[in-house]
C-alpha atoms as a PDB file:
ATOM      1  CA  LYS A   1     -19.673   0.277  14.569  1.00  0.00           C
ATOM      2  CA  LYS A   2     -20.932  -2.257  12.032  1.00  0.00           C
ATOM      3  CA  VAL A   3     -24.599  -2.169  11.122  1.00  0.00           C
ATOM      4  CA  GLN A   4     -26.508  -5.429  11.298  1.00  0.00           C
ATOM      5  CA  TYR A   5     -28.376  -5.858   8.024  1.00  0.00           C
ATOM      6  CA  GLU A   6     -31.619  -7.391   9.125  1.00  0.00           C
ATOM      7  CA  PHE A   7     -35.261  -6.390   9.132  1.00  0.00           C
ATOM      8  CA  ILE A   8     -35.958  -3.558  11.576  1.00  0.00           C
ATOM      9  CA  ALA A   9     -38.821  -4.694  13.788  1.00  0.00           C
ATOM     10  CA  ASN A  10     -39.625  -1.282  15.284  1.00  0.00           C
ATOM     11  CA  GLU A  11     -41.980   0.510  12.859  1.00  0.00           C
ATOM     12  CA  ARG A  12     -40.865   4.038  13.770  1.00  0.00           C
ATOM     13  CA  ALA A  13     -37.184   3.161  13.525  1.00  0.00           C
ATOM     14  CA  ARG A  14     -37.802   1.396  10.198  1.00  0.00           C
ATOM     15  CA  THR A  15     -39.642   4.444   8.787  1.00  0.00           C
ATOM     16  CA  ARG A  16     -36.910   6.813  10.004  1.00  0.00           C
ATOM     17  CA  THR A  17     -34.174   4.584   8.550  1.00  0.00           C
ATOM     18  CA  PHE A  18     -36.057   4.308   5.249  1.00  0.00           C
ATOM     19  CA  LYS A  19     -36.342   8.092   4.926  1.00  0.00           C
ATOM     20  CA  LYS A  20     -32.671   8.668   5.781  1.00  0.00           C
ATOM     21  CA  ARG A  21     -31.397   5.988   3.433  1.00  0.00           C
ATOM     22  CA  LYS A  22     -33.742   7.060   0.634  1.00  0.00           C
ATOM     23  CA  THR A  23     -32.403  10.609   0.904  1.00  0.00           C
ATOM     24  CA  GLY A  24     -28.833   9.292   0.971  1.00  0.00           C
ATOM     25  CA  LEU A  25     -29.392   7.077  -2.063  1.00  0.00           C
ATOM     26  CA  LEU A  26     -30.917   9.895  -4.101  1.00  0.00           C
ATOM     27  CA  LYS A  27     -28.006  12.143  -3.102  1.00  0.00           C
ATOM     28  CA  LYS A  28     -25.510   9.484  -4.256  1.00  0.00           C
ATOM     29  CA  VAL A  29     -27.272   9.163  -7.622  1.00  0.00           C
ATOM     30  CA  SER A  30     -27.210  12.952  -7.997  1.00  0.00           C
ATOM     31  CA  GLU A  31     -23.487  13.061  -7.151  1.00  0.00           C
ATOM     32  CA  LEU A  32     -22.762  10.242  -9.590  1.00  0.00           C
ATOM     33  CA  GLN A  33     -24.542  12.122 -12.352  1.00  0.00           C
ATOM     34  CA  THR A  34     -22.827  15.427 -11.585  1.00  0.00           C
ATOM     35  CA  LEU A  35     -19.283  14.229 -10.867  1.00  0.00           C
ATOM     36  CA  CYS A  36     -19.021  11.568 -13.561  1.00  0.00           C
ATOM     37  CA  GLY A  37     -21.194  13.164 -16.239  1.00  0.00           C
ATOM     38  CA  VAL A  38     -23.365  10.087 -16.663  1.00  0.00           C
ATOM     39  CA  ASP A  39     -27.089   9.666 -17.092  1.00  0.00           C
ATOM     40  CA  ALA A  40     -28.556   8.178 -13.954  1.00  0.00           C
ATOM     41  CA  CYS A  41     -31.960   7.729 -12.416  1.00  0.00           C
ATOM     42  CA  ALA A  42     -33.465   6.003  -9.424  1.00  0.00           C
ATOM     43  CA  PHE A  43     -36.905   4.693  -8.567  1.00  0.00           C
ATOM     44  CA  ILE A  44     -37.907   3.908  -5.014  1.00  0.00           C
ATOM     45  CA  TYR A  45     -41.160   2.154  -4.283  1.00  0.00           C
ATOM     46  CA  SER A  46     -42.467   1.625  -0.788  1.00  0.00           C
ATOM     47  CA  SER A  47     -45.753   0.078   0.264  1.00  0.00           C
ATOM     48  CA  ARG A  48     -46.025   2.833   2.900  1.00  0.00           C
ATOM     49  CA  ASP A  49     -45.847   5.647   0.350  1.00  0.00           C
ATOM     50  CA  SER A  50     -48.688   6.003  -2.108  1.00  0.00           C
ATOM     51  CA  GLN A  51     -46.379   7.351  -4.797  1.00  0.00           C
ATOM     52  CA  THR A  52     -43.162   5.955  -6.255  1.00  0.00           C
ATOM     53  CA  VAL A  53     -40.228   8.344  -5.913  1.00  0.00           C
ATOM     54  CA  ALA A  54     -38.389   8.985  -9.164  1.00  0.00           C
ATOM     55  CA  TRP A  55     -35.167  10.922  -9.418  1.00  0.00           C
ATOM     56  CA  PRO A  56     -34.363  13.327 -11.067  1.00  0.00           C
ATOM     57  CA  SER A  57     -38.010  13.622 -12.155  1.00  0.00           C
ATOM     58  CA  SER A  58     -40.427  11.137 -13.669  1.00  0.00           C
ATOM     59  CA  LEU A  59     -40.002  12.634 -17.140  1.00  0.00           C
ATOM     60  CA  GLU A  60     -36.183  12.751 -17.029  1.00  0.00           C
ATOM     61  CA  ALA A  61     -36.012   9.246 -15.562  1.00  0.00           C
ATOM     62  CA  TYR A  62     -38.313   8.054 -18.351  1.00  0.00           C
ATOM     63  CA  HIS A  63     -35.922   9.511 -20.964  1.00  0.00           C
ATOM     64  CA  VAL A  64     -32.925   7.792 -19.325  1.00  0.00           C
ATOM     65  CA  LEU A  65     -34.782   4.465 -19.350  1.00  0.00           C
ATOM     66  CA  GLU A  66     -35.822   4.936 -22.984  1.00  0.00           C
ATOM     67  CA  ARG A  67     -32.195   5.559 -24.001  1.00  0.00           C
ATOM     68  CA  PHE A  68     -31.239   2.416 -22.101  1.00  0.00           C
ATOM     69  CA  LYS A  69     -33.986   0.349 -23.774  1.00  0.00           C
ATOM     70  CA  ASN A  70     -32.891   1.575 -27.221  1.00  0.00           C
ATOM     71  CA  MET A  71     -29.347   0.299 -26.691  1.00  0.00           C
ATOM     72  CA  PRO A  72     -28.388  -3.043 -28.256  1.00  0.00           C
ATOM     73  CA  THR A  73     -29.092  -5.966 -25.924  1.00  0.00           C
ATOM     74  CA  GLY A  74     -25.408  -6.871 -25.633  1.00  0.00           C
ATOM     75  CA  LYS A  75     -24.516  -3.386 -24.459  1.00  0.00           C
ATOM     76  CA  GLN A  76     -27.430  -3.334 -22.007  1.00  0.00           C
ATOM     77  CA  THR A  77     -26.437  -6.545 -20.299  1.00  0.00           C
ATOM     78  CA  CYS A  78     -22.617  -6.424 -20.459  1.00  0.00           C
ATOM     79  CA  ASN A  79     -22.228  -5.196 -16.869  1.00  0.00           C
ATOM     80  CA  MET A  80     -25.510  -6.346 -15.372  1.00  0.00           C
ATOM     81  CA  MET A  81     -25.109  -8.641 -12.401  1.00  0.00           C
ATOM     82  CA  ASP A  82     -27.385 -10.200  -9.891  1.00  0.00           C
ATOM     83  CA  GLN A  83     -26.180 -11.329  -6.481  1.00  0.00           C
ATOM     84  CA  GLU A  84     -25.274 -14.823  -7.716  1.00  0.00           C
ATOM     85  CA  ILE A  85     -23.227 -13.588 -10.677  1.00  0.00           C
ATOM     86  CA  LEU A  86     -21.409 -11.065  -8.478  1.00  0.00           C
ATOM     87  CA  LEU A  87     -20.586 -13.715  -5.875  1.00  0.00           C
ATOM     88  CA  ASN A  88     -19.389 -16.161  -8.558  1.00  0.00           C
ATOM     89  CA  LYS A  89     -17.177 -13.466 -10.076  1.00  0.00           C
ATOM     90  CA  ASN A  90     -15.704 -12.675  -6.653  1.00  0.00           C
ATOM     91  CA  LEU A  91     -15.251 -16.390  -5.946  1.00  0.00           C
ATOM     92  CA  ILE A  92     -13.306 -16.879  -9.184  1.00  0.00           C
ATOM     93  CA  MET A  93     -11.110 -13.873  -8.359  1.00  0.00           C
ATOM     94  CA  LEU A  94     -10.473 -15.100  -4.809  1.00  0.00           C
ATOM     95  CA  ASP A  95      -9.721 -18.614  -6.076  1.00  0.00           C
ATOM     96  CA  GLY A  96      -7.137 -17.152  -8.450  1.00  0.00           C
ATOM     97  CA  ASN A  97      -5.609 -15.161  -5.596  1.00  0.00           C
ATOM     98  CA  LEU A  98      -5.502 -18.286  -3.428  1.00  0.00           C
ATOM     99  CA  LYS A  99      -3.708 -20.278  -6.146  1.00  0.00           C
ATOM    100  CA  LYS A 100      -1.234 -17.433  -6.644  1.00  0.00           C
ATOM    101  CA  GLU A 101      -0.472 -17.210  -2.922  1.00  0.00           C
ATOM    102  CA  THR A 102      -0.213 -21.009  -2.659  1.00  0.00           C
ATOM    103  CA  ARG A 103       2.386 -21.048  -5.460  1.00  0.00           C
ATOM    104  CA  LYS A 104       4.210 -18.196  -3.742  1.00  0.00           C
ATOM    105  CA  ASN A 105       4.258 -20.091  -0.428  1.00  0.00           C
ATOM    106  CA  GLN A 106       5.472 -23.274  -2.125  1.00  0.00           C
ATOM    107  CA  GLY A 107       8.264 -21.273  -3.730  1.00  0.00           C
ATOM    108  CA  LEU A 108       9.305 -19.850  -0.382  1.00  0.00           C
ATOM    109  CA  GLU A 109       9.231 -23.323   1.198  1.00  0.00           C
ATOM    110  CA  MET A 110      11.411 -24.676  -1.600  1.00  0.00           C
ATOM    111  CA  GLU A 111      13.871 -21.828  -1.175  1.00  0.00           C
ATOM    112  CA  GLN A 112      14.093 -22.572   2.557  1.00  0.00           C
ATOM    113  CA  LEU A 113      14.612 -26.256   1.836  1.00  0.00           C
ATOM    114  CA  LEU A 114      17.372 -25.521  -0.659  1.00  0.00           C
ATOM    115  CA  LEU A 115      19.062 -23.165   1.796  1.00  0.00           C
ATOM    116  CA  ARG A 116      18.952 -25.908   4.428  1.00  0.00           C
ATOM    117  CA  CYS A 117      20.521 -28.322   1.942  1.00  0.00           C
ATOM    118  CA  LEU A 118      23.266 -25.822   1.111  1.00  0.00           C
ATOM    119  CA  ALA A 119      23.925 -25.293   4.816  1.00  0.00           C
ATOM    120  CA  ASN A 120      24.376 -29.084   5.227  1.00  0.00           C
ATOM    121  CA  GLU A 121      21.620 -29.319   7.796  1.00  0.00           C
ATOM    122  CA  ASN A 122      20.381 -32.703   8.886  1.00  0.00           C
ATOM    123  CA  LEU A 123      17.290 -33.296   6.780  1.00  0.00           C
ATOM    124  CA  HIS A 124      16.026 -36.490   8.422  1.00  0.00           C
ATOM    125  CA  ASP A 125      12.456 -35.098   8.377  1.00  0.00           C
ATOM    126  CA  PHE A 126      12.687 -34.563   4.623  1.00  0.00           C
ATOM    127  CA  SER A 127      10.499 -36.879   2.534  1.00  0.00           C
ATOM    128  CA  TRP A 128      12.635 -37.305  -0.583  1.00  0.00           C
ATOM    129  CA  SER A 129      10.102 -38.966  -2.844  1.00  0.00           C
ATOM    130  CA  LYS A 130       7.335 -36.466  -2.108  1.00  0.00           C
ATOM    131  CA  GLU A 131       9.453 -33.333  -1.886  1.00  0.00           C
ATOM    132  CA  MET A 132      11.541 -34.066  -4.978  1.00  0.00           C
ATOM    133  CA  LYS A 133       8.387 -34.032  -7.104  1.00  0.00           C
ATOM    134  CA  ILE A 134       7.997 -30.409  -6.045  1.00  0.00           C
ATOM    135  CA  VAL A 135      11.672 -29.408  -5.905  1.00  0.00           C
ATOM    136  CA  VAL A 136      12.593 -30.526  -9.436  1.00  0.00           C
ATOM    137  CA  PRO A 137       9.994 -28.370 -11.271  1.00  0.00           C
ATOM    138  CA  PHE A 138      10.829 -25.490  -8.921  1.00  0.00           C
ATOM    139  CA  LEU A 139      14.525 -25.753  -9.779  1.00  0.00           C
ATOM    140  CA  ASP A 140      13.707 -26.062 -13.491  1.00  0.00           C
ATOM    141  CA  ASP A 141      11.745 -22.800 -13.280  1.00  0.00           C
ATOM    142  CA  LYS A 142      14.622 -21.097 -11.451  1.00  0.00           C
ATOM    143  CA  ILE A 143      17.130 -22.339 -14.059  1.00  0.00           C
ATOM    144  CA  LYS A 144      14.924 -20.987 -16.870  1.00  0.00           C
ATOM    145  CA  LEU A 145      14.615 -17.659 -15.051  1.00  0.00           C
ATOM    146  CA  VAL A 146      18.385 -17.342 -14.620  1.00  0.00           C
ATOM    147  CA  THR A 147      18.992 -18.425 -18.237  1.00  0.00           C
ATOM    148  CA  ASN A 148      16.578 -15.759 -19.513  1.00  0.00           C
ATOM    149  CA  LYS A 149      18.224 -13.088 -17.362  1.00  0.00           C
ATOM    150  CA  ILE A 150      21.655 -14.056 -18.733  1.00  0.00           C
ATOM    151  CA  LYS A 151      20.350 -13.875 -22.316  1.00  0.00           C
ATOM    152  CA  ASN A 152      18.871 -10.418 -21.703  1.00  0.00           C
ATOM    153  CA  LEU A 153      22.194  -9.001 -20.462  1.00  0.00           C
END
């Protein structure tokens, strides 16, 4: 069952969810630190609680933050992302995947077209001027591929 990520109107349910998720988050940070051998800390502030929760402890979290602040700026920010940067990065990756799949589909279409030509099928629906602009570079690439394979033998 997918969880709807929206504000929880019921106060008791919101408080219960906050406590459960806070515990889960602190557990994840602890596991990350233990399993991966990294320095990690977490701060959770809630307007309902009078005190900010710091994990592992306020003093240890302070030392982790101090080590982070003493790093060169370039190293501090190399993997920092906000929501916009993350979405842009994903968009660029997905756009690259789309272009790759589009080229792959065009290649498959060209192969089907060439097979139809070799089988002497009636190609009355074939638009020669438009399709030839795509077929010629495709065939050139295939010829180069075969030539390279022959040279490597």
